[in-house]
Amino acid sequence: MTRNTRRSFLTRYVWNQVGRCLKGFQEGLEEVRHQSDLDRFFESYESSYSLTLAYPDEILLETARQRGIKIEGRDKIDIVKELFLEHGGL
């Protein structure tokens, strides 16, 4: 039978908190990596070719209008990024 002393309780508590802290840190790192990859993807028209240059302008703009995205006075890459992130992106 395990002795439930204050020392064993505190030891388990501390290790549990350290584990939760490390898990949160790892999740944060993964989120930053994901955001960095996404930013690099939309860095230029060449790197985001599959969504910007290969996608017909008429279809893209009509899709953006239907989704409620403002398109007037904006670059195509900004419209694509917003469409990607807010309406079906990662």
PDB file of N, CA and C in Angstrom:
ATOM      1  N   MET A   1       0.840  -1.169   0.000  1.00  0.00           N
ATOM      2  CA  MET A   1       0.000   0.000   0.000  1.00  0.00           C
ATOM      3  C   MET A   1       0.897   1.248   0.000  1.00  0.00           C
ATOM      4  N   THR A   2       0.518   2.225  -0.786  1.00  0.00           N
ATOM      5  CA  THR A   2       1.309   3.436  -0.931  1.00  0.00           C
ATOM      6  C   THR A   2       1.002   4.396   0.209  1.00  0.00           C
ATOM      7  N   ARG A   3       2.078   4.967   0.747  1.00  0.00           N
ATOM      8  CA  ARG A   3       1.899   5.956   1.799  1.00  0.00           C
ATOM      9  C   ARG A   3       1.583   7.305   1.174  1.00  0.00           C
ATOM     10  N   ASN A   4       0.532   7.913   1.623  1.00  0.00           N
ATOM     11  CA  ASN A   4       0.134   9.227   1.119  1.00  0.00           C
ATOM     12  C   ASN A   4       0.649  10.307   2.064  1.00  0.00           C
ATOM     13  N   THR A   5       1.902  10.590   1.952  1.00  0.00           N
ATOM     14  CA  THR A   5       2.491  11.624   2.781  1.00  0.00           C
ATOM     15  C   THR A   5       2.484  12.947   2.033  1.00  0.00           C
ATOM     16  N   ARG A   6       2.720  14.011   2.769  1.00  0.00           N
ATOM     17  CA  ARG A   6       2.782  15.321   2.141  1.00  0.00           C
ATOM     18  C   ARG A   6       3.905  15.382   1.116  1.00  0.00           C
ATOM     19  N   ARG A   7       5.014  14.763   1.432  1.00  0.00           N
ATOM     20  CA  ARG A   7       6.152  14.796   0.522  1.00  0.00           C
ATOM     21  C   ARG A   7       5.812  14.114  -0.806  1.00  0.00           C
ATOM     22  N   SER A   8       5.208  12.954  -0.755  1.00  0.00           N
ATOM     23  CA  SER A   8       4.876  12.264  -1.999  1.00  0.00           C
ATOM     24  C   SER A   8       3.803  13.029  -2.775  1.00  0.00           C
ATOM     25  N   PHE A   9       2.859  13.635  -2.053  1.00  0.00           N
ATOM     26  CA  PHE A   9       1.834  14.443  -2.719  1.00  0.00           C
ATOM     27  C   PHE A   9       2.469  15.634  -3.427  1.00  0.00           C
ATOM     28  N   LEU A  10       3.334  16.349  -2.739  1.00  0.00           N
ATOM     29  CA  LEU A  10       3.978  17.521  -3.338  1.00  0.00           C
ATOM     30  C   LEU A  10       4.880  17.134  -4.503  1.00  0.00           C
ATOM     31  N   THR A  11       5.571  16.020  -4.364  1.00  0.00           N
ATOM     32  CA  THR A  11       6.445  15.555  -5.443  1.00  0.00           C
ATOM     33  C   THR A  11       5.623  15.253  -6.689  1.00  0.00           C
ATOM     34  N   ARG A  12       4.534  14.521  -6.517  1.00  0.00           N
ATOM     35  CA  ARG A  12       3.665  14.220  -7.669  1.00  0.00           C
ATOM     36  C   ARG A  12       3.076  15.499  -8.250  1.00  0.00           C
ATOM     37  N   TYR A  13       2.682  16.420  -7.383  1.00  0.00           N
ATOM     38  CA  TYR A  13       2.092  17.678  -7.838  1.00  0.00           C
ATOM     39  C   TYR A  13       3.100  18.482  -8.649  1.00  0.00           C
ATOM     40  N   VAL A  14       4.315  18.583  -8.141  1.00  0.00           N
ATOM     41  CA  VAL A  14       5.350  19.353  -8.844  1.00  0.00           C
ATOM     42  C   VAL A  14       5.637  18.720 -10.198  1.00  0.00           C
ATOM     43  N   TRP A  15       5.811  17.410 -10.252  1.00  0.00           N
ATOM     44  CA  TRP A  15       6.099  16.747 -11.520  1.00  0.00           C
ATOM     45  C   TRP A  15       4.922  16.877 -12.488  1.00  0.00           C
ATOM     46  N   ASN A  16       3.719  16.831 -11.968  1.00  0.00           N
ATOM     47  CA  ASN A  16       2.536  17.006 -12.798  1.00  0.00           C
ATOM     48  C   ASN A  16       2.524  18.413 -13.400  1.00  0.00           C
ATOM     49  N   GLN A  17       2.818  19.413 -12.593  1.00  0.00           N
ATOM     50  CA  GLN A  17       2.842  20.797 -13.083  1.00  0.00           C
ATOM     51  C   GLN A  17       3.965  21.015 -14.096  1.00  0.00           C
ATOM     52  N   VAL A  18       5.116  20.414 -13.850  1.00  0.00           N
ATOM     53  CA  VAL A  18       6.230  20.523 -14.800  1.00  0.00           C
ATOM     54  C   VAL A  18       5.831  19.883 -16.128  1.00  0.00           C
ATOM     55  N   GLY A  19       5.186  18.733 -16.069  1.00  0.00           N
ATOM     56  CA  GLY A  19       4.729  18.057 -17.283  1.00  0.00           C
ATOM     57  C   GLY A  19       3.728  18.902 -18.054  1.00  0.00           C
ATOM     58  N   ARG A  20       2.793  19.520 -17.350  1.00  0.00           N
ATOM     59  CA  ARG A  20       1.801  20.376 -18.009  1.00  0.00           C
ATOM     60  C   ARG A  20       2.465  21.599 -18.637  1.00  0.00           C
ATOM     61  N   CYS A  21       3.448  22.145 -17.941  1.00  0.00           N
ATOM     62  CA  CYS A  21       4.176  23.309 -18.456  1.00  0.00           C
ATOM     63  C   CYS A  21       4.932  22.945 -19.731  1.00  0.00           C
ATOM     64  N   LEU A  22       5.614  21.810 -19.729  1.00  0.00           N
ATOM     65  CA  LEU A  22       6.354  21.380 -20.914  1.00  0.00           C
ATOM     66  C   LEU A  22       5.413  21.097 -22.079  1.00  0.00           C
ATOM     67  N   LYS A  23       4.275  20.485 -21.782  1.00  0.00           N
ATOM     68  CA  LYS A  23       3.300  20.204 -22.833  1.00  0.00           C
ATOM     69  C   LYS A  23       2.800  21.507 -23.461  1.00  0.00           C
ATOM     70  N   GLY A  24       2.487  22.488 -22.625  1.00  0.00           N
ATOM     71  CA  GLY A  24       2.049  23.782 -23.136  1.00  0.00           C
ATOM     72  C   GLY A  24       3.128  24.466 -23.952  1.00  0.00           C
ATOM     73  N   PHE A  25       4.368  24.353 -23.519  1.00  0.00           N
ATOM     74  CA  PHE A  25       5.488  24.935 -24.244  1.00  0.00           C
ATOM     75  C   PHE A  25       5.634  24.285 -25.619  1.00  0.00           C
ATOM     76  N   GLN A  26       5.534  22.962 -25.664  1.00  0.00           N
ATOM     77  CA  GLN A  26       5.649  22.249 -26.936  1.00  0.00           C
ATOM     78  C   GLN A  26       4.507  22.613 -27.879  1.00  0.00           C
ATOM     79  N   GLU A  27       3.304  22.756 -27.345  1.00  0.00           N
ATOM     80  CA  GLU A  27       2.168  23.157 -28.178  1.00  0.00           C
ATOM     81  C   GLU A  27       2.376  24.563 -28.730  1.00  0.00           C
ATOM     82  N   GLY A  28       2.920  25.446 -27.913  1.00  0.00           N
ATOM     83  CA  GLY A  28       3.211  26.800 -28.361  1.00  0.00           C
ATOM     84  C   GLY A  28       4.261  26.817 -29.463  1.00  0.00           C
ATOM     85  N   LEU A  29       5.301  26.011 -29.304  1.00  0.00           N
ATOM     86  CA  LEU A  29       6.331  25.919 -30.341  1.00  0.00           C
ATOM     87  C   LEU A  29       5.747  25.417 -31.658  1.00  0.00           C
ATOM     88  N   GLU A  30       4.891  24.416 -31.563  1.00  0.00           N
ATOM     89  CA  GLU A  30       4.275  23.868 -32.772  1.00  0.00           C
ATOM     90  C   GLU A  30       3.411  24.916 -33.465  1.00  0.00           C
ATOM     91  N   GLU A  31       2.688  25.701 -32.687  1.00  0.00           N
ATOM     92  CA  GLU A  31       1.859  26.759 -33.265  1.00  0.00           C
ATOM     93  C   GLU A  31       2.713  27.819 -33.953  1.00  0.00           C
ATOM     94  N   VAL A  32       3.833  28.179 -33.336  1.00  0.00           N
ATOM     95  CA  VAL A  32       4.744  29.172 -33.937  1.00  0.00           C
ATOM     96  C   VAL A  32       5.346  28.617 -35.224  1.00  0.00           C
ATOM     97  N   ARG A  33       5.726  27.350 -35.230  1.00  0.00           N
ATOM     98  CA  ARG A  33       6.276  26.744 -36.444  1.00  0.00           C
ATOM     99  C   ARG A  33       5.240  26.748 -37.567  1.00  0.00           C
ATOM    100  N   HIS A  34       4.020  26.407 -37.211  1.00  0.00           N
ATOM    101  CA  HIS A  34       2.934  26.377 -38.191  1.00  0.00           C
ATOM    102  C   HIS A  34       2.711  27.778 -38.766  1.00  0.00           C
ATOM    103  N   GLN A  35       2.665  28.784 -37.916  1.00  0.00           N
ATOM    104  CA  GLN A  35       2.463  30.162 -38.372  1.00  0.00           C
ATOM    105  C   GLN A  35       3.622  30.621 -39.245  1.00  0.00           C
ATOM    106  N   SER A  36       4.837  30.232 -38.874  1.00  0.00           N
ATOM    107  CA  SER A  36       6.019  30.595 -39.658  1.00  0.00           C
ATOM    108  C   SER A  36       5.956  29.966 -41.052  1.00  0.00           C
ATOM    109  N   ASP A  37       5.560  28.691 -41.119  1.00  0.00           N
ATOM    110  CA  ASP A  37       5.424  28.024 -42.417  1.00  0.00           C
ATOM    111  C   ASP A  37       4.363  28.705 -43.271  1.00  0.00           C
ATOM    112  N   LEU A  38       3.261  29.074 -42.630  1.00  0.00           N
ATOM    113  CA  LEU A  38       2.173  29.744 -43.348  1.00  0.00           C
ATOM    114  C   LEU A  38       2.619  31.108 -43.862  1.00  0.00           C
ATOM    115  N   ASP A  39       3.342  31.863 -43.040  1.00  0.00           N
ATOM    116  CA  ASP A  39       3.850  33.170 -43.466  1.00  0.00           C
ATOM    117  C   ASP A  39       4.823  33.029 -44.633  1.00  0.00           C
ATOM    118  N   ARG A  40       5.680  32.014 -44.582  1.00  0.00           N
ATOM    119  CA  ARG A  40       6.624  31.788 -45.683  1.00  0.00           C
ATOM    120  C   ARG A  40       5.888  31.401 -46.959  1.00  0.00           C
ATOM    121  N   PHE A  41       4.795  30.625 -46.816  1.00  0.00           N
ATOM    122  CA  PHE A  41       4.019  30.218 -47.984  1.00  0.00           C
ATOM    123  C   PHE A  41       3.426  31.431 -48.698  1.00  0.00           C
ATOM    124  N   PHE A  42       2.906  32.394 -47.937  1.00  0.00           N
ATOM    125  CA  PHE A  42       2.283  33.570 -48.519  1.00  0.00           C
ATOM    126  C   PHE A  42       3.254  34.740 -48.675  1.00  0.00           C
ATOM    127  N   GLU A  43       4.529  34.470 -48.584  1.00  0.00           N
ATOM    128  CA  GLU A  43       5.555  35.508 -48.688  1.00  0.00           C
ATOM    129  C   GLU A  43       5.601  36.141 -50.081  1.00  0.00           C
ATOM    130  N   SER A  44       5.391  35.345 -51.105  1.00  0.00           N
ATOM    131  CA  SER A  44       5.449  35.863 -52.472  1.00  0.00           C
ATOM    132  C   SER A  44       4.474  35.086 -53.351  1.00  0.00           C
ATOM    133  N   TYR A  45       4.259  35.608 -54.531  1.00  0.00           N
ATOM    134  CA  TYR A  45       3.371  34.922 -55.478  1.00  0.00           C
ATOM    135  C   TYR A  45       3.966  33.582 -55.921  1.00  0.00           C
ATOM    136  N   GLU A  46       5.268  33.513 -56.035  1.00  0.00           N
ATOM    137  CA  GLU A  46       5.904  32.280 -56.481  1.00  0.00           C
ATOM    138  C   GLU A  46       5.770  31.168 -55.447  1.00  0.00           C
ATOM    139  N   SER A  47       5.914  31.507 -54.172  1.00  0.00           N
ATOM    140  CA  SER A  47       5.832  30.465 -53.145  1.00  0.00           C
ATOM    141  C   SER A  47       4.397  30.005 -52.908  1.00  0.00           C
ATOM    142  N   SER A  48       3.427  30.859 -53.208  1.00  0.00           N
ATOM    143  CA  SER A  48       2.019  30.482 -53.044  1.00  0.00           C
ATOM    144  C   SER A  48       1.349  30.269 -54.402  1.00  0.00           C
ATOM    145  N   TYR A  49       2.120  29.780 -55.337  1.00  0.00           N
ATOM    146  CA  TYR A  49       1.655  29.612 -56.715  1.00  0.00           C
ATOM    147  C   TYR A  49       0.336  28.856 -56.803  1.00  0.00           C
ATOM    148  N   SER A  50       0.194  27.785 -56.050  1.00  0.00           N
ATOM    149  CA  SER A  50      -0.985  26.938 -56.181  1.00  0.00           C
ATOM    150  C   SER A  50      -2.275  27.663 -55.823  1.00  0.00           C
ATOM    151  N   LEU A  51      -2.190  28.721 -55.022  1.00  0.00           N
ATOM    152  CA  LEU A  51      -3.400  29.454 -54.641  1.00  0.00           C
ATOM    153  C   LEU A  51      -3.513  30.824 -55.294  1.00  0.00           C
ATOM    154  N   THR A  52      -2.419  31.372 -55.757  1.00  0.00           N
ATOM    155  CA  THR A  52      -2.486  32.733 -56.305  1.00  0.00           C
ATOM    156  C   THR A  52      -2.423  32.751 -57.832  1.00  0.00           C
ATOM    157  N   LEU A  53      -1.379  32.230 -58.406  1.00  0.00           N
ATOM    158  CA  LEU A  53      -1.197  32.343 -59.850  1.00  0.00           C
ATOM    159  C   LEU A  53      -1.935  31.259 -60.630  1.00  0.00           C
ATOM    160  N   ALA A  54      -2.058  30.089 -60.083  1.00  0.00           N
ATOM    161  CA  ALA A  54      -2.697  28.990 -60.801  1.00  0.00           C
ATOM    162  C   ALA A  54      -4.217  29.036 -60.693  1.00  0.00           C
ATOM    163  N   TYR A  55      -4.729  29.875 -59.827  1.00  0.00           N
ATOM    164  CA  TYR A  55      -6.172  29.967 -59.599  1.00  0.00           C
ATOM    165  C   TYR A  55      -6.717  31.106 -60.452  1.00  0.00           C
ATOM    166  N   PRO A  56      -7.702  30.860 -61.305  1.00  0.00           N
ATOM    167  CA  PRO A  56      -8.231  31.935 -62.173  1.00  0.00           C
ATOM    168  C   PRO A  56      -8.764  33.114 -61.364  1.00  0.00           C
ATOM    169  N   ASP A  57      -8.420  34.317 -61.809  1.00  0.00           N
ATOM    170  CA  ASP A  57      -8.811  35.531 -61.092  1.00  0.00           C
ATOM    171  C   ASP A  57     -10.312  35.673 -60.924  1.00  0.00           C
ATOM    172  N   GLU A  58     -11.055  35.393 -61.964  1.00  0.00           N
ATOM    173  CA  GLU A  58     -12.506  35.566 -61.899  1.00  0.00           C
ATOM    174  C   GLU A  58     -13.123  34.682 -60.820  1.00  0.00           C
ATOM    175  N   ILE A  59     -12.695  33.445 -60.789  1.00  0.00           N
ATOM    176  CA  ILE A  59     -13.233  32.499 -59.804  1.00  0.00           C
ATOM    177  C   ILE A  59     -12.813  32.913 -58.395  1.00  0.00           C
ATOM    178  N   LEU A  60     -11.567  33.302 -58.246  1.00  0.00           N
ATOM    179  CA  LEU A  60     -11.063  33.725 -56.939  1.00  0.00           C
ATOM    180  C   LEU A  60     -11.834  34.930 -56.405  1.00  0.00           C
ATOM    181  N   LEU A  61     -11.992  35.944 -57.240  1.00  0.00           N
ATOM    182  CA  LEU A  61     -12.675  37.159 -56.796  1.00  0.00           C
ATOM    183  C   LEU A  61     -14.152  36.907 -56.509  1.00  0.00           C
ATOM    184  N   GLU A  62     -14.785  36.095 -57.320  1.00  0.00           N
ATOM    185  CA  GLU A  62     -16.188  35.767 -57.076  1.00  0.00           C
ATOM    186  C   GLU A  62     -16.343  34.962 -55.781  1.00  0.00           C
ATOM    187  N   THR A  63     -15.450  34.036 -55.540  1.00  0.00           N
ATOM    188  CA  THR A  63     -15.476  33.257 -54.303  1.00  0.00           C
ATOM    189  C   THR A  63     -15.281  34.169 -53.097  1.00  0.00           C
ATOM    190  N   ALA A  64     -14.343  35.104 -53.195  1.00  0.00           N
ATOM    191  CA  ALA A  64     -14.094  36.047 -52.099  1.00  0.00           C
ATOM    192  C   ALA A  64     -15.322  36.910 -51.834  1.00  0.00           C
ATOM    193  N   ARG A  65     -15.969  37.384 -52.890  1.00  0.00           N
ATOM    194  CA  ARG A  65     -17.189  38.189 -52.726  1.00  0.00           C
ATOM    195  C   ARG A  65     -18.285  37.383 -52.029  1.00  0.00           C
ATOM    196  N   GLN A  66     -18.451  36.140 -52.444  1.00  0.00           N
ATOM    197  CA  GLN A  66     -19.473  35.282 -51.849  1.00  0.00           C
ATOM    198  C   GLN A  66     -19.206  35.023 -50.373  1.00  0.00           C
ATOM    199  N   ARG A  67     -17.953  35.004 -49.995  1.00  0.00           N
ATOM    200  CA  ARG A  67     -17.580  34.756 -48.594  1.00  0.00           C
ATOM    201  C   ARG A  67     -17.546  36.028 -47.759  1.00  0.00           C
ATOM    202  N   GLY A  68     -17.830  37.153 -48.376  1.00  0.00           N
ATOM    203  CA  GLY A  68     -17.863  38.409 -47.643  1.00  0.00           C
ATOM    204  C   GLY A  68     -16.516  39.069 -47.441  1.00  0.00           C
ATOM    205  N   ILE A  69     -15.553  38.719 -48.270  1.00  0.00           N
ATOM    206  CA  ILE A  69     -14.216  39.301 -48.174  1.00  0.00           C
ATOM    207  C   ILE A  69     -14.148  40.514 -49.085  1.00  0.00           C
ATOM    208  N   LYS A  70     -13.682  41.627 -48.545  1.00  0.00           N
ATOM    209  CA  LYS A  70     -13.539  42.845 -49.343  1.00  0.00           C
ATOM    210  C   LYS A  70     -12.345  42.691 -50.275  1.00  0.00           C
ATOM    211  N   ILE A  71     -12.548  43.024 -51.535  1.00  0.00           N
ATOM    212  CA  ILE A  71     -11.492  42.819 -52.519  1.00  0.00           C
ATOM    213  C   ILE A  71     -10.996  44.117 -53.148  1.00  0.00           C
ATOM    214  N   GLU A  72     -11.716  45.188 -52.959  1.00  0.00           N
ATOM    215  CA  GLU A  72     -11.344  46.454 -53.581  1.00  0.00           C
ATOM    216  C   GLU A  72     -10.048  47.010 -52.979  1.00  0.00           C
ATOM    217  N   GLY A  73      -9.098  47.325 -53.847  1.00  0.00           N
ATOM    218  CA  GLY A  73      -7.850  47.952 -53.422  1.00  0.00           C
ATOM    219  C   GLY A  73      -6.894  47.027 -52.678  1.00  0.00           C
ATOM    220  N   ARG A  74      -7.069  45.726 -52.815  1.00  0.00           N
ATOM    221  CA  ARG A  74      -6.196  44.771 -52.122  1.00  0.00           C
ATOM    222  C   ARG A  74      -5.428  43.936 -53.125  1.00  0.00           C
ATOM    223  N   ASP A  75      -4.242  43.480 -52.714  1.00  0.00           N
ATOM    224  CA  ASP A  75      -3.465  42.574 -53.545  1.00  0.00           C
ATOM    225  C   ASP A  75      -4.118  41.199 -53.550  1.00  0.00           C
ATOM    226  N   LYS A  76      -3.919  40.506 -54.643  1.00  0.00           N
ATOM    227  CA  LYS A  76      -4.487  39.166 -54.794  1.00  0.00           C
ATOM    228  C   LYS A  76      -3.994  38.229 -53.705  1.00  0.00           C
ATOM    229  N   ILE A  77      -2.725  38.336 -53.341  1.00  0.00           N
ATOM    230  CA  ILE A  77      -2.163  37.440 -52.329  1.00  0.00           C
ATOM    231  C   ILE A  77      -2.813  37.661 -50.963  1.00  0.00           C
ATOM    232  N   ASP A  78      -3.182  38.906 -50.657  1.00  0.00           N
ATOM    233  CA  ASP A  78      -3.866  39.188 -49.390  1.00  0.00           C
ATOM    234  C   ASP A  78      -5.272  38.600 -49.376  1.00  0.00           C
ATOM    235  N   ILE A  79      -5.948  38.687 -50.512  1.00  0.00           N
ATOM    236  CA  ILE A  79      -7.289  38.118 -50.619  1.00  0.00           C
ATOM    237  C   ILE A  79      -7.232  36.606 -50.468  1.00  0.00           C
ATOM    238  N   VAL A  80      -6.276  35.989 -51.130  1.00  0.00           N
ATOM    239  CA  VAL A  80      -6.124  34.530 -51.051  1.00  0.00           C
ATOM    240  C   VAL A  80      -5.793  34.104 -49.623  1.00  0.00           C
ATOM    241  N   LYS A  81      -4.911  34.838 -48.960  1.00  0.00           N
ATOM    242  CA  LYS A  81      -4.532  34.491 -47.592  1.00  0.00           C
ATOM    243  C   LYS A  81      -5.746  34.579 -46.661  1.00  0.00           C
ATOM    244  N   GLU A  82      -6.523  35.638 -46.782  1.00  0.00           N
ATOM    245  CA  GLU A  82      -7.710  35.767 -45.937  1.00  0.00           C
ATOM    246  C   GLU A  82      -8.726  34.662 -46.234  1.00  0.00           C
ATOM    247  N   LEU A  83      -8.926  34.382 -47.507  1.00  0.00           N
ATOM    248  CA  LEU A  83      -9.838  33.319 -47.900  1.00  0.00           C
ATOM    249  C   LEU A  83      -9.375  31.984 -47.342  1.00  0.00           C
ATOM    250  N   PHE A  84      -8.088  31.745 -47.440  1.00  0.00           N
ATOM    251  CA  PHE A  84      -7.511  30.494 -46.956  1.00  0.00           C
ATOM    252  C   PHE A  84      -7.639  30.356 -45.436  1.00  0.00           C
ATOM    253  N   LEU A  85      -7.302  31.405 -44.703  1.00  0.00           N
ATOM    254  CA  LEU A  85      -7.292  31.332 -43.248  1.00  0.00           C
ATOM    255  C   LEU A  85      -8.687  31.334 -42.635  1.00  0.00           C
ATOM    256  N   GLU A  86      -9.547  32.190 -43.134  1.00  0.00           N
ATOM    257  CA  GLU A  86     -10.856  32.355 -42.488  1.00  0.00           C
ATOM    258  C   GLU A  86     -11.932  31.423 -43.028  1.00  0.00           C
ATOM    259  N   HIS A  87     -11.711  30.877 -44.199  1.00  0.00           N
ATOM    260  CA  HIS A  87     -12.769  30.073 -44.806  1.00  0.00           C
ATOM    261  C   HIS A  87     -12.200  28.774 -45.367  1.00  0.00           C
ATOM    262  N   GLY A  88     -11.744  27.932 -44.481  1.00  0.00           N
ATOM    263  CA  GLY A  88     -11.313  26.616 -44.920  1.00  0.00           C
ATOM    264  C   GLY A  88      -9.829  26.359 -44.837  1.00  0.00           C
ATOM    265  N   GLY A  89      -9.064  27.306 -44.324  1.00  0.00           N
ATOM    266  CA  GLY A  89      -7.626  27.092 -44.190  1.00  0.00           C
ATOM    267  C   GLY A  89      -7.294  26.226 -43.009  1.00  0.00           C
ATOM    268  N   LEU A  90      -6.032  26.193 -42.687  1.00  0.00           N
ATOM    269  CA  LEU A  90      -5.573  25.364 -41.580  1.00  0.00           C
ATOM    270  C   LEU A  90      -5.847  25.980 -40.242  1.00  0.00           C
TER     271      LEU A  90
END
